[in-house]
C-alpha atoms as a PDB file:
ATOM      1  CA  MET A   1      26.679  12.278 -13.581  1.00  0.00           C
ATOM      2  CA  ASN A   2      25.422  12.378 -10.003  1.00  0.00           C
ATOM      3  CA  TYR A   3      24.561   9.382  -7.878  1.00  0.00           C
ATOM      4  CA  ILE A   4      21.554   8.921  -5.613  1.00  0.00           C
ATOM      5  CA  LYS A   5      21.726   7.056  -2.335  1.00  0.00           C
ATOM      6  CA  PHE A   6      18.422   6.336  -0.639  1.00  0.00           C
ATOM      7  CA  LYS A   7      18.443   6.719   3.123  1.00  0.00           C
ATOM      8  CA  PHE A   8      15.508   5.476   5.182  1.00  0.00           C
ATOM      9  CA  ASN A   9      14.630   6.656   8.669  1.00  0.00           C
ATOM     10  CA  LEU A  10      13.149   3.223   9.374  1.00  0.00           C
ATOM     11  CA  ARG A  11      14.467  -0.099   8.162  1.00  0.00           C
ATOM     12  CA  LEU A  12      12.256  -1.570   5.475  1.00  0.00           C
ATOM     13  CA  SER A  13      10.347  -4.642   6.533  1.00  0.00           C
ATOM     14  CA  PRO A  14      11.058  -8.022   4.950  1.00  0.00           C
ATOM     15  CA  ALA A  15       8.824  -8.853   1.977  1.00  0.00           C
ATOM     16  CA  GLY A  16       8.468 -11.216  -0.935  1.00  0.00           C
ATOM     17  CA  PHE A  17      10.149 -11.061  -4.318  1.00  0.00           C
ATOM     18  CA  GLY A  18       7.400  -9.169  -6.142  1.00  0.00           C
ATOM     19  CA  HIS A  19       7.004  -6.623  -3.369  1.00  0.00           C
ATOM     20  CA  HIS A  20      10.665  -5.695  -3.271  1.00  0.00           C
ATOM     21  CA  LEU A  21      10.995  -5.831  -7.038  1.00  0.00           C
ATOM     22  CA  SER A  22       8.282  -3.166  -7.145  1.00  0.00           C
ATOM     23  CA  ASN A  23      10.279  -1.146  -4.613  1.00  0.00           C
ATOM     24  CA  LEU A  24      13.464  -1.581  -6.648  1.00  0.00           C
ATOM     25  CA  LEU A  25      11.787  -0.417  -9.860  1.00  0.00           C
ATOM     26  CA  THR A  26      10.294   2.572  -8.043  1.00  0.00           C
ATOM     27  CA  LEU A  27      13.769   3.701  -6.930  1.00  0.00           C
ATOM     28  CA  ILE A  28      15.259   3.099 -10.387  1.00  0.00           C
ATOM     29  CA  LEU A  29      12.496   5.132 -12.028  1.00  0.00           C
ATOM     30  CA  TYR A  30      12.954   7.965  -9.521  1.00  0.00           C
ATOM     31  CA  ALA A  31      16.695   8.151 -10.317  1.00  0.00           C
ATOM     32  CA  TYR A  32      15.994   7.986 -14.056  1.00  0.00           C
ATOM     33  CA  LYS A  33      13.669  10.966 -13.855  1.00  0.00           C
ATOM     34  CA  LYS A  34      16.298  12.847 -11.836  1.00  0.00           C
ATOM     35  CA  ASN A  35      18.935  12.033 -14.487  1.00  0.00           C
ATOM     36  CA  SER A  36      21.005  10.288 -11.825  1.00  0.00           C
ATOM     37  CA  ILE A  37      22.493   6.865 -11.169  1.00  0.00           C
ATOM     38  CA  PRO A  38      20.864   5.011  -8.256  1.00  0.00           C
ATOM     39  CA  ILE A  39      22.846   3.174  -5.621  1.00  0.00           C
ATOM     40  CA  ILE A  40      20.803   0.042  -5.082  1.00  0.00           C
ATOM     41  CA  PRO A  41      19.996  -0.538  -1.388  1.00  0.00           C
ATOM     42  CA  THR A  42      19.811  -3.899   0.324  1.00  0.00           C
ATOM     43  CA  PHE A  43      16.389  -5.461   0.708  1.00  0.00           C
ATOM     44  CA  ARG A  44      15.344  -8.197   3.111  1.00  0.00           C
ATOM     45  CA  LEU A  45      13.455 -11.069   1.519  1.00  0.00           C
ATOM     46  CA  GLU A  46      10.730 -12.589   3.668  1.00  0.00           C
ATOM     47  CA  ALA A  47      11.652 -15.823   5.449  1.00  0.00           C
ATOM     48  CA  LEU A  48       8.056 -16.980   5.171  1.00  0.00           C
ATOM     49  CA  HIS A  49       8.612 -17.720   1.467  1.00  0.00           C
ATOM     50  CA  ASN A  50      12.024 -19.307   1.976  1.00  0.00           C
ATOM     51  CA  LEU A  51      11.536 -22.229   4.355  1.00  0.00           C
ATOM     52  CA  GLY A  52      12.050 -19.903   7.301  1.00  0.00           C
ATOM     53  CA  LYS A  53      15.438 -18.573   6.180  1.00  0.00           C
ATOM     54  CA  ASN A  54      16.083 -14.833   5.909  1.00  0.00           C
ATOM     55  CA  LEU A  55      17.930 -13.413   2.917  1.00  0.00           C
ATOM     56  CA  GLU A  56      19.329  -9.972   2.122  1.00  0.00           C
ATOM     57  CA  THR A  57      19.844  -8.860  -1.463  1.00  0.00           C
ATOM     58  CA  ASN A  58      20.390  -5.955  -3.824  1.00  0.00           C
ATOM     59  CA  PHE A  59      18.888  -8.237  -6.515  1.00  0.00           C
ATOM     60  CA  SER A  60      22.201  -8.677  -8.362  1.00  0.00           C
ATOM     61  CA  GLU A  61      21.890 -12.403  -7.573  1.00  0.00           C
ATOM     62  CA  TYR A  62      18.783 -12.438  -9.721  1.00  0.00           C
ATOM     63  CA  PHE A  63      18.937  -9.676 -12.335  1.00  0.00           C
ATOM     64  CA  ASP A  64      21.525  -8.599 -14.883  1.00  0.00           C
ATOM     65  CA  TYR A  65      21.989  -4.902 -14.159  1.00  0.00           C
ATOM     66  CA  SER A  66      24.568  -4.641 -16.951  1.00  0.00           C
ATOM     67  CA  ASN A  67      21.729  -5.144 -19.440  1.00  0.00           C
ATOM     68  CA  LEU A  68      19.230  -2.847 -17.740  1.00  0.00           C
ATOM     69  CA  LYS A  69      17.648  -0.552 -20.310  1.00  0.00           C
ATOM     70  CA  ILE A  70      15.119   2.252 -20.035  1.00  0.00           C
ATOM     71  CA  ASN A  71      13.312   3.251 -23.211  1.00  0.00           C
ATOM     72  CA  GLY A  72      15.810   1.204 -25.185  1.00  0.00           C
ATOM     73  CA  LYS A  73      18.927   2.882 -23.737  1.00  0.00           C
ATOM     74  CA  LYS A  74      21.389   1.405 -21.264  1.00  0.00           C
ATOM     75  CA  PHE A  75      20.832   2.661 -17.724  1.00  0.00           C
ATOM     76  CA  ASN A  76      23.553   2.281 -15.105  1.00  0.00           C
ATOM     77  CA  VAL A  77      23.107   1.437 -11.452  1.00  0.00           C
ATOM     78  CA  ILE A  78      25.628   1.014  -8.635  1.00  0.00           C
ATOM     79  CA  THR A  79      25.657  -1.979  -6.308  1.00  0.00           C
ATOM     80  CA  ASP A  80      29.044  -1.278  -4.673  1.00  0.00           C
ATOM     81  CA  ILE A  81      29.277   2.218  -3.199  1.00  0.00           C
ATOM     82  CA  SER A  82      33.073   1.909  -2.762  1.00  0.00           C
ATOM     83  CA  GLU A  83      33.417   2.201  -6.532  1.00  0.00           C
ATOM     84  CA  ILE A  84      32.433   5.874  -6.690  1.00  0.00           C
ATOM     85  CA  ASP A  85      33.536   9.303  -5.462  1.00  0.00           C
ATOM     86  CA  GLN A  86      31.614  10.015  -2.267  1.00  0.00           C
ATOM     87  CA  ASN A  87      31.452  13.714  -3.199  1.00  0.00           C
ATOM     88  CA  LEU A  88      29.220  12.880  -6.136  1.00  0.00           C
ATOM     89  CA  ILE A  89      26.585  11.168  -4.004  1.00  0.00           C
ATOM     90  CA  ASN A  90      23.293  12.907  -3.373  1.00  0.00           C
ATOM     91  CA  ILE A  91      21.582  11.538  -0.251  1.00  0.00           C
ATOM     92  CA  ILE A  92      17.802  11.235  -0.519  1.00  0.00           C
ATOM     93  CA  ASP A  93      16.307  11.101   2.975  1.00  0.00           C
ATOM     94  CA  LEU A  94      13.065   9.174   2.779  1.00  0.00           C
ATOM     95  CA  LYS A  95      10.797   9.406   5.779  1.00  0.00           C
ATOM     96  CA  VAL A  96       9.001   6.108   5.471  1.00  0.00           C
ATOM     97  CA  THR A  97       5.623   5.870   7.098  1.00  0.00           C
ATOM     98  CA  SER A  98       4.036   2.923   8.869  1.00  0.00           C
ATOM     99  CA  GLU A  99       2.648   1.956   5.458  1.00  0.00           C
ATOM    100  CA  THR A 100       5.684   2.441   3.223  1.00  0.00           C
ATOM    101  CA  CYS A 101       7.902   0.819   5.855  1.00  0.00           C
ATOM    102  CA  ARG A 102       5.839  -2.296   5.179  1.00  0.00           C
ATOM    103  CA  CYS A 103       7.372  -2.414   1.713  1.00  0.00           C
ATOM    104  CA  THR A 104       5.169  -0.237  -0.471  1.00  0.00           C
ATOM    105  CA  LEU A 105       7.644   2.427  -1.557  1.00  0.00           C
ATOM    106  CA  TRP A 106       5.612   2.920  -4.741  1.00  0.00           C
ATOM    107  CA  LYS A 107       3.083   4.730  -2.527  1.00  0.00           C
ATOM    108  CA  HIS A 108       5.685   7.053  -0.984  1.00  0.00           C
ATOM    109  CA  PRO A 109       4.758  10.698  -1.732  1.00  0.00           C
ATOM    110  CA  GLU A 110       8.333  11.605  -2.705  1.00  0.00           C
ATOM    111  CA  LEU A 111       8.685   8.643  -5.040  1.00  0.00           C
ATOM    112  CA  ILE A 112       5.293   8.368  -6.714  1.00  0.00           C
ATOM    113  CA  SER A 113       5.699   8.633 -10.465  1.00  0.00           C
ATOM    114  CA  SER A 114       3.400  10.587 -12.731  1.00  0.00           C
ATOM    115  CA  CYS A 115       4.660   8.406 -15.599  1.00  0.00           C
ATOM    116  CA  PRO A 116       3.356   4.864 -16.033  1.00  0.00           C
ATOM    117  CA  ILE A 117       5.942   2.154 -16.671  1.00  0.00           C
ATOM    118  CA  ASP A 118       6.019  -1.263 -18.266  1.00  0.00           C
ATOM    119  CA  VAL A 119       8.569  -3.985 -17.576  1.00  0.00           C
ATOM    120  CA  LYS A 120      10.098  -6.576 -19.884  1.00  0.00           C
ATOM    121  CA  PRO A 121      10.926  -9.359 -20.649  1.00  0.00           C
ATOM    122  CA  PHE A 122       8.020 -10.529 -18.502  1.00  0.00           C
ATOM    123  CA  TYR A 123       5.550  -7.996 -17.147  1.00  0.00           C
ATOM    124  CA  LEU A 124       5.020  -5.392 -14.487  1.00  0.00           C
ATOM    125  CA  PRO A 125       4.853  -6.628 -10.871  1.00  0.00           C
ATOM    126  CA  GLN A 126       1.329  -6.215  -9.647  1.00  0.00           C
ATOM    127  CA  GLY A 127       2.270  -3.658  -7.022  1.00  0.00           C
ATOM    128  CA  LEU A 128       2.952  -1.185  -9.831  1.00  0.00           C
ATOM    129  CA  SER A 129       0.168  -2.267 -12.182  1.00  0.00           C
ATOM    130  CA  SER A 130      -2.058   0.613 -11.069  1.00  0.00           C
ATOM    131  CA  TRP A 131       0.398   2.931 -12.841  1.00  0.00           C
ATOM    132  CA  LEU A 132      -0.802   1.445 -16.124  1.00  0.00           C
ATOM    133  CA  SER A 133      -4.461   0.955 -15.244  1.00  0.00           C
ATOM    134  CA  SER A 134      -5.678   4.503 -15.774  1.00  0.00           C
ATOM    135  CA  GLN A 135      -7.864   5.022 -18.833  1.00  0.00           C
ATOM    136  CA  TYR A 136      -6.026   8.303 -19.362  1.00  0.00           C
ATOM    137  CA  VAL A 137      -2.635   6.691 -19.918  1.00  0.00           C
ATOM    138  CA  ASN A 138      -1.189   7.573 -23.309  1.00  0.00           C
ATOM    139  CA  LYS A 139       0.969   4.769 -24.696  1.00  0.00           C
ATOM    140  CA  LYS A 140       3.626   7.237 -25.829  1.00  0.00           C
ATOM    141  CA  ASP A 141       4.087   8.324 -22.202  1.00  0.00           C
ATOM    142  CA  ILE A 142       4.833   4.815 -20.918  1.00  0.00           C
ATOM    143  CA  ILE A 143       8.419   4.286 -19.762  1.00  0.00           C
ATOM    144  CA  ASP A 144       9.725   0.861 -20.805  1.00  0.00           C
ATOM    145  CA  ILE A 145      12.128  -0.863 -18.435  1.00  0.00           C
ATOM    146  CA  TYR A 146      14.041  -3.946 -19.565  1.00  0.00           C
ATOM    147  CA  LEU A 147      15.565  -5.893 -16.671  1.00  0.00           C
ATOM    148  CA  PRO A 148      16.457  -9.522 -17.522  1.00  0.00           C
ATOM    149  CA  PHE A 149      17.515 -12.320 -15.225  1.00  0.00           C
ATOM    150  CA  ASN A 150      21.260 -12.822 -14.933  1.00  0.00           C
ATOM    151  CA  GLN A 151      23.196 -15.496 -16.795  1.00  0.00           C
ATOM    152  CA  ASN A 152      23.448 -17.744 -13.740  1.00  0.00           C
ATOM    153  CA  ILE A 153      19.676 -18.143 -13.611  1.00  0.00           C
ATOM    154  CA  ILE A 154      19.417 -18.588 -17.371  1.00  0.00           C
ATOM    155  CA  ASN A 155      22.129 -21.270 -17.277  1.00  0.00           C
ATOM    156  CA  LYS A 156      20.373 -23.121 -14.466  1.00  0.00           C
ATOM    157  CA  TYR A 157      17.124 -23.012 -16.423  1.00  0.00           C
ATOM    158  CA  ASN A 158      18.828 -24.255 -19.600  1.00  0.00           C
ATOM    159  CA  SER A 159      20.368 -27.178 -17.699  1.00  0.00           C
ATOM    160  CA  ILE A 160      16.954 -28.561 -16.728  1.00  0.00           C
ATOM    161  CA  HIS A 161      15.463 -31.303 -18.855  1.00  0.00           C
ATOM    162  CA  LEU A 162      11.744 -30.894 -18.199  1.00  0.00           C
ATOM    163  CA  ASN A 163      10.766 -33.614 -20.677  1.00  0.00           C
ATOM    164  CA  LEU A 164       7.500 -31.782 -21.270  1.00  0.00           C
ATOM    165  CA  LYS A 165       6.098 -30.860 -24.683  1.00  0.00           C
ATOM    166  CA  ASN A 166       3.581 -28.091 -25.335  1.00  0.00           C
ATOM    167  CA  TYR A 167       3.119 -27.989 -21.584  1.00  0.00           C
ATOM    168  CA  THR A 168       0.795 -25.912 -19.437  1.00  0.00           C
ATOM    169  CA  CYS A 169       2.354 -24.132 -16.452  1.00  0.00           C
ATOM    170  CA  VAL A 170       0.160 -23.459 -13.425  1.00  0.00           C
ATOM    171  CA  HIS A 171       1.209 -21.099 -10.638  1.00  0.00           C
ATOM    172  CA  ILE A 172      -0.134 -21.912  -7.161  1.00  0.00           C
ATOM    173  CA  ARG A 173       1.840 -19.864  -4.640  1.00  0.00           C
ATOM    174  CA  ALA A 174       0.314 -17.674  -1.991  1.00  0.00           C
ATOM    175  CA  GLY A 175       0.982 -19.270   1.357  1.00  0.00           C
ATOM    176  CA  ASP A 176       0.843 -15.926   3.128  1.00  0.00           C
ATOM    177  CA  TYR A 177      -2.664 -15.315   1.785  1.00  0.00           C
ATOM    178  CA  PHE A 178      -3.778 -18.758   2.911  1.00  0.00           C
ATOM    179  CA  LEU A 179      -2.917 -17.728   6.467  1.00  0.00           C
ATOM    180  CA  ASN A 180      -5.928 -15.398   6.324  1.00  0.00           C
ATOM    181  CA  ASP A 181      -8.200 -18.090   4.878  1.00  0.00           C
ATOM    182  CA  LYS A 182     -11.504 -19.048   6.431  1.00  0.00           C
ATOM    183  CA  LYS A 183      -9.949 -22.383   7.328  1.00  0.00           C
ATOM    184  CA  PHE A 184      -7.779 -20.539   9.842  1.00  0.00           C
ATOM    185  CA  GLY A 185     -10.390 -18.008  10.973  1.00  0.00           C
ATOM    186  CA  GLY A 186      -9.655 -15.342   8.344  1.00  0.00           C
ATOM    187  CA  LYS A 187     -11.730 -13.666   5.648  1.00  0.00           C
ATOM    188  CA  ASN A 188     -10.240 -15.148   2.456  1.00  0.00           C
ATOM    189  CA  ASP A 189     -11.720 -18.133   0.652  1.00  0.00           C
ATOM    190  CA  PHE A 190      -8.748 -19.321  -1.391  1.00  0.00           C
ATOM    191  CA  ILE A 191      -8.030 -22.850  -0.191  1.00  0.00           C
ATOM    192  CA  SER A 192     -11.414 -24.173  -1.320  1.00  0.00           C
ATOM    193  CA  LYS A 193     -10.739 -22.835  -4.828  1.00  0.00           C
ATOM    194  CA  ILE A 194      -7.495 -24.688  -5.445  1.00  0.00           C
ATOM    195  CA  SER A 195      -8.785 -28.244  -5.327  1.00  0.00           C
ATOM    196  CA  ALA A 196      -7.258 -30.678  -7.790  1.00  0.00           C
ATOM    197  CA  GLN A 197     -10.606 -30.884  -9.558  1.00  0.00           C
ATOM    198  CA  SER A 198     -10.927 -27.116 -10.064  1.00  0.00           C
ATOM    199  CA  ILE A 199      -7.361 -26.872 -11.387  1.00  0.00           C
ATOM    200  CA  LYS A 200      -7.961 -29.870 -13.640  1.00  0.00           C
ATOM    201  CA  ASN A 201     -11.011 -28.138 -15.113  1.00  0.00           C
ATOM    202  CA  LYS A 202      -9.036 -24.953 -15.657  1.00  0.00           C
ATOM    203  CA  ILE A 203      -6.198 -26.771 -17.434  1.00  0.00           C
ATOM    204  CA  LYS A 204      -8.640 -28.586 -19.705  1.00  0.00           C
ATOM    205  CA  SER A 205     -10.299 -25.286 -20.581  1.00  0.00           C
ATOM    206  CA  VAL A 206      -7.125 -24.008 -22.256  1.00  0.00           C
ATOM    207  CA  SER A 207      -5.213 -27.094 -23.411  1.00  0.00           C
ATOM    208  CA  THR A 208      -5.558 -30.691 -24.575  1.00  0.00           C
ATOM    209  CA  SER A 209      -1.958 -31.479 -23.633  1.00  0.00           C
ATOM    210  CA  LYS A 210      -1.362 -33.852 -20.727  1.00  0.00           C
ATOM    211  CA  ASP A 211       1.990 -32.221 -19.919  1.00  0.00           C
ATOM    212  CA  VAL A 212       1.809 -29.861 -16.925  1.00  0.00           C
ATOM    213  CA  TYR A 213       4.344 -28.104 -14.691  1.00  0.00           C
ATOM    214  CA  LEU A 214       2.959 -26.849 -11.401  1.00  0.00           C
ATOM    215  CA  MET A 215       4.761 -24.041  -9.555  1.00  0.00           C
ATOM    216  CA  THR A 216       4.093 -24.356  -5.854  1.00  0.00           C
ATOM    217  CA  ASN A 217       5.765 -24.534  -2.462  1.00  0.00           C
ATOM    218  CA  LEU A 218       8.308 -27.256  -1.902  1.00  0.00           C
ATOM    219  CA  VAL A 219       6.792 -30.545  -0.771  1.00  0.00           C
ATOM    220  CA  LYS A 220       8.778 -30.613   2.419  1.00  0.00           C
ATOM    221  CA  LYS A 221       8.151 -30.892   6.135  1.00  0.00           C
ATOM    222  CA  ILE A 222       9.827 -28.046   7.993  1.00  0.00           C
ATOM    223  CA  LYS A 223      11.470 -28.375  11.390  1.00  0.00           C
ATOM    224  CA  LYS A 224      13.053 -25.680  13.506  1.00  0.00           C
ATOM    225  CA  GLN A 225      16.750 -25.340  12.734  1.00  0.00           C
ATOM    226  CA  LYS A 226      19.646 -23.028  13.546  1.00  0.00           C
ATOM    227  CA  ASN A 227      19.639 -19.689  11.681  1.00  0.00           C
ATOM    228  CA  MET A 228      15.983 -20.170  10.788  1.00  0.00           C
ATOM    229  CA  ARG A 229      12.903 -18.199  11.703  1.00  0.00           C
ATOM    230  CA  TYR A 230      10.323 -20.729  12.817  1.00  0.00           C
ATOM    231  CA  ASN A 231       6.901 -19.607  13.966  1.00  0.00           C
ATOM    232  CA  LYS A 232       3.238 -20.538  13.740  1.00  0.00           C
ATOM    233  CA  GLN A 233       2.932 -19.128  10.211  1.00  0.00           C
ATOM    234  CA  ILE A 234       5.807 -21.237   8.905  1.00  0.00           C
ATOM    235  CA  ASP A 235       4.337 -24.292  10.588  1.00  0.00           C
ATOM    236  CA  ILE A 236       0.876 -23.705   9.063  1.00  0.00           C
ATOM    237  CA  ILE A 237       2.102 -23.139   5.504  1.00  0.00           C
ATOM    238  CA  TYR A 238       4.533 -26.040   5.257  1.00  0.00           C
ATOM    239  CA  ASN A 239       3.232 -28.558   7.806  1.00  0.00           C
ATOM    240  CA  VAL A 240      -0.410 -28.026   8.785  1.00  0.00           C
ATOM    241  CA  LEU A 241      -1.842 -26.789   5.487  1.00  0.00           C
ATOM    242  CA  ASN A 242       0.554 -28.582   3.102  1.00  0.00           C
ATOM    243  CA  TYR A 243      -1.872 -28.138   0.208  1.00  0.00           C
ATOM    244  CA  ASN A 244       0.601 -29.932  -2.033  1.00  0.00           C
ATOM    245  CA  LYS A 245      -1.101 -33.179  -0.969  1.00  0.00           C
ATOM    246  CA  GLU A 246      -4.219 -32.019  -2.783  1.00  0.00           C
ATOM    247  CA  LEU A 247      -2.281 -30.807  -5.809  1.00  0.00           C
ATOM    248  CA  LEU A 248      -0.454 -34.113  -6.166  1.00  0.00           C
ATOM    249  CA  LYS A 249      -3.796 -35.640  -7.171  1.00  0.00           C
ATOM    250  CA  LEU A 250      -3.310 -33.952 -10.544  1.00  0.00           C
ATOM    251  CA  LYS A 251      -0.839 -36.692 -11.385  1.00  0.00           C
ATOM    252  CA  ASP A 252      -3.833 -39.006 -11.804  1.00  0.00           C
ATOM    253  CA  ASP A 253      -4.972 -37.081 -14.897  1.00  0.00           C
ATOM    254  CA  PHE A 254      -1.828 -35.400 -16.225  1.00  0.00           C
ATOM    255  CA  ASP A 255       1.882 -35.930 -16.617  1.00  0.00           C
ATOM    256  CA  CYS A 256       2.152 -33.281 -13.927  1.00  0.00           C
ATOM    257  CA  LYS A 257       5.600 -32.276 -12.721  1.00  0.00           C
ATOM    258  CA  PHE A 258       6.548 -30.511  -9.503  1.00  0.00           C
ATOM    259  CA  VAL A 259       9.892 -29.196  -8.332  1.00  0.00           C
ATOM    260  CA  SER A 260      10.269 -32.453  -6.389  1.00  0.00           C
ATOM    261  CA  ASP A 261      10.425 -34.324  -9.718  1.00  0.00           C
ATOM    262  CA  TYR A 262      13.725 -32.579 -10.518  1.00  0.00           C
ATOM    263  CA  PRO A 263      16.439 -33.152  -7.856  1.00  0.00           C
ATOM    264  CA  SER A 264      18.556 -30.220  -9.070  1.00  0.00           C
ATOM    265  CA  LEU A 265      15.605 -27.845  -8.704  1.00  0.00           C
ATOM    266  CA  GLN A 266      14.719 -29.303  -5.313  1.00  0.00           C
ATOM    267  CA  ASP A 267      18.261 -28.626  -4.079  1.00  0.00           C
ATOM    268  CA  ILE A 268      18.118 -25.028  -5.318  1.00  0.00           C
ATOM    269  CA  GLY A 269      14.747 -24.472  -3.641  1.00  0.00           C
ATOM    270  CA  GLU A 270      15.921 -25.784  -0.297  1.00  0.00           C
ATOM    271  CA  GLU A 271      18.906 -23.439  -0.387  1.00  0.00           C
ATOM    272  CA  ASN A 272      17.187 -20.353  -1.842  1.00  0.00           C
ATOM    273  CA  ASN A 273      13.512 -20.594  -2.732  1.00  0.00           C
ATOM    274  CA  TYR A 274      13.659 -17.175  -4.410  1.00  0.00           C
ATOM    275  CA  LEU A 275      16.266 -18.438  -6.866  1.00  0.00           C
ATOM    276  CA  LEU A 276      14.010 -21.393  -7.630  1.00  0.00           C
ATOM    277  CA  TYR A 277      11.162 -18.929  -8.142  1.00  0.00           C
ATOM    278  CA  CYS A 278      13.152 -17.079 -10.824  1.00  0.00           C
ATOM    279  CA  ILE A 279      13.919 -20.322 -12.658  1.00  0.00           C
ATOM    280  CA  GLU A 280      10.251 -21.255 -12.502  1.00  0.00           C
ATOM    281  CA  ILE A 281       9.307 -17.880 -13.949  1.00  0.00           C
ATOM    282  CA  LEU A 282      11.343 -18.905 -16.999  1.00  0.00           C
ATOM    283  CA  ILE A 283       9.547 -22.252 -17.031  1.00  0.00           C
ATOM    284  CA  MET A 284       6.265 -20.337 -16.994  1.00  0.00           C
ATOM    285  CA  HIS A 285       7.453 -17.913 -19.664  1.00  0.00           C
ATOM    286  CA  ASN A 286       8.215 -20.751 -22.081  1.00  0.00           C
ATOM    287  CA  ALA A 287       5.008 -22.700 -21.450  1.00  0.00           C
ATOM    288  CA  LYS A 288       2.496 -23.191 -24.267  1.00  0.00           C
ATOM    289  CA  LYS A 289      -0.331 -22.239 -21.917  1.00  0.00           C
ATOM    290  CA  LYS A 290      -0.043 -20.210 -18.726  1.00  0.00           C
ATOM    291  CA  ILE A 291      -2.369 -20.235 -15.712  1.00  0.00           C
ATOM    292  CA  SER A 292      -1.948 -17.897 -12.730  1.00  0.00           C
ATOM    293  CA  MET A 293      -3.636 -18.039  -9.360  1.00  0.00           C
ATOM    294  CA  PHE A 294      -4.963 -14.491  -9.108  1.00  0.00           C
ATOM    295  CA  HIS A 295      -6.681 -12.552 -11.872  1.00  0.00           C
ATOM    296  CA  ASN A 296      -5.410  -9.048 -12.514  1.00  0.00           C
ATOM    297  CA  LYS A 297      -6.229  -6.786 -15.450  1.00  0.00           C
ATOM    298  CA  HIS A 298      -2.599  -6.102 -16.249  1.00  0.00           C
ATOM    299  CA  LYS A 299      -1.783  -9.825 -16.488  1.00  0.00           C
ATOM    300  CA  SER A 300      -4.682 -10.731 -18.783  1.00  0.00           C
ATOM    301  CA  SER A 301      -2.589 -10.524 -21.947  1.00  0.00           C
ATOM    302  CA  TYR A 302       0.165 -12.735 -20.483  1.00  0.00           C
ATOM    303  CA  TYR A 303      -1.910 -15.556 -18.997  1.00  0.00           C
ATOM    304  CA  ASP A 304      -4.475 -17.836 -20.629  1.00  0.00           C
ATOM    305  CA  ALA A 305      -6.518 -18.445 -17.479  1.00  0.00           C
ATOM    306  CA  PHE A 306      -6.721 -17.761 -13.742  1.00  0.00           C
ATOM    307  CA  ILE A 307      -7.616 -20.054 -10.852  1.00  0.00           C
ATOM    308  CA  ILE A 308      -9.333 -17.280  -8.919  1.00  0.00           C
ATOM    309  CA  GLU A 309     -11.200 -15.154 -11.439  1.00  0.00           C
ATOM    310  CA  LYS A 310     -12.178 -12.369  -9.066  1.00  0.00           C
ATOM    311  CA  LEU A 311      -9.847  -9.433  -9.661  1.00  0.00           C
ATOM    312  CA  SER A 312      -7.205  -9.185  -6.962  1.00  0.00           C
ATOM    313  CA  ASN A 313      -6.114  -5.765  -5.752  1.00  0.00           C
ATOM    314  CA  THR A 314      -4.043  -7.183  -2.933  1.00  0.00           C
ATOM    315  CA  HIS A 315      -1.651  -9.735  -4.384  1.00  0.00           C
ATOM    316  CA  HIS A 316       1.624  -8.054  -5.338  1.00  0.00           C
ATOM    317  CA  GLY A 317       3.606 -11.079  -6.512  1.00  0.00           C
ATOM    318  CA  TYR A 318       5.642 -11.201  -9.694  1.00  0.00           C
ATOM    319  CA  THR A 319       3.439 -13.948 -11.169  1.00  0.00           C
END
């Protein structure tokens, strides 16, 4: 068996979890079709989504590669290049463009797949959803990828006592998109659509339960610290905008829980917001009713409702 190492002429830009997960799956699929084992590169996770702190990862902190399966069969990857014979490594030189350097490897001409894929146990990140959107896709041609979270994340999730029954989970995360909102001189009109009243109406449209968990940014004022990227965007998202104040009004009508209601989750989020995100994906997955922020055709079978009904072709997040 040969190994594939991906070499980039330009360093990939930092990006969010869903973006780089789409990149990771693109590289895995490429290696699978070449009948090779991929050496997983290191990705930089965007500080904007992590309280200003940069992180580098090959995703082993989040996913269980030992249980990765493609079309029901175990598929191996390498995260430590020192483990293998260097003579067996095939270097793939990828000339990333100004576009693909900005973290859209699924658009790279050498990596684009003619085969649509689907991802379990959750669903396909939106960046790759166009691979399933064609009316000409034959279900028998779809490549199924199973990539579960690792045991550490599952254990952390199992240790949480939510004290919620038949709960609805609502996902309100998109601080980077709010930066281009009309409120700040941009073109988007998102902030006006996430009022407590509009979310309340949406919850009541799908459930009679008063129990709600709301996935959102940490309710926390951010100050410039050592080893932290602090700029105007960070300040707007966490300090100026702080839309959590509006969302906290939901507590008037529901037994609505936030990460701040669970000290152990709060601690995880302040250390690594991406790890918290993975745990919250499990909270969402086990909810009785699920509500996402952005509508997308591929997510319609997973979610019960969407805050912003207009189809989004731009949001590439995992939920």
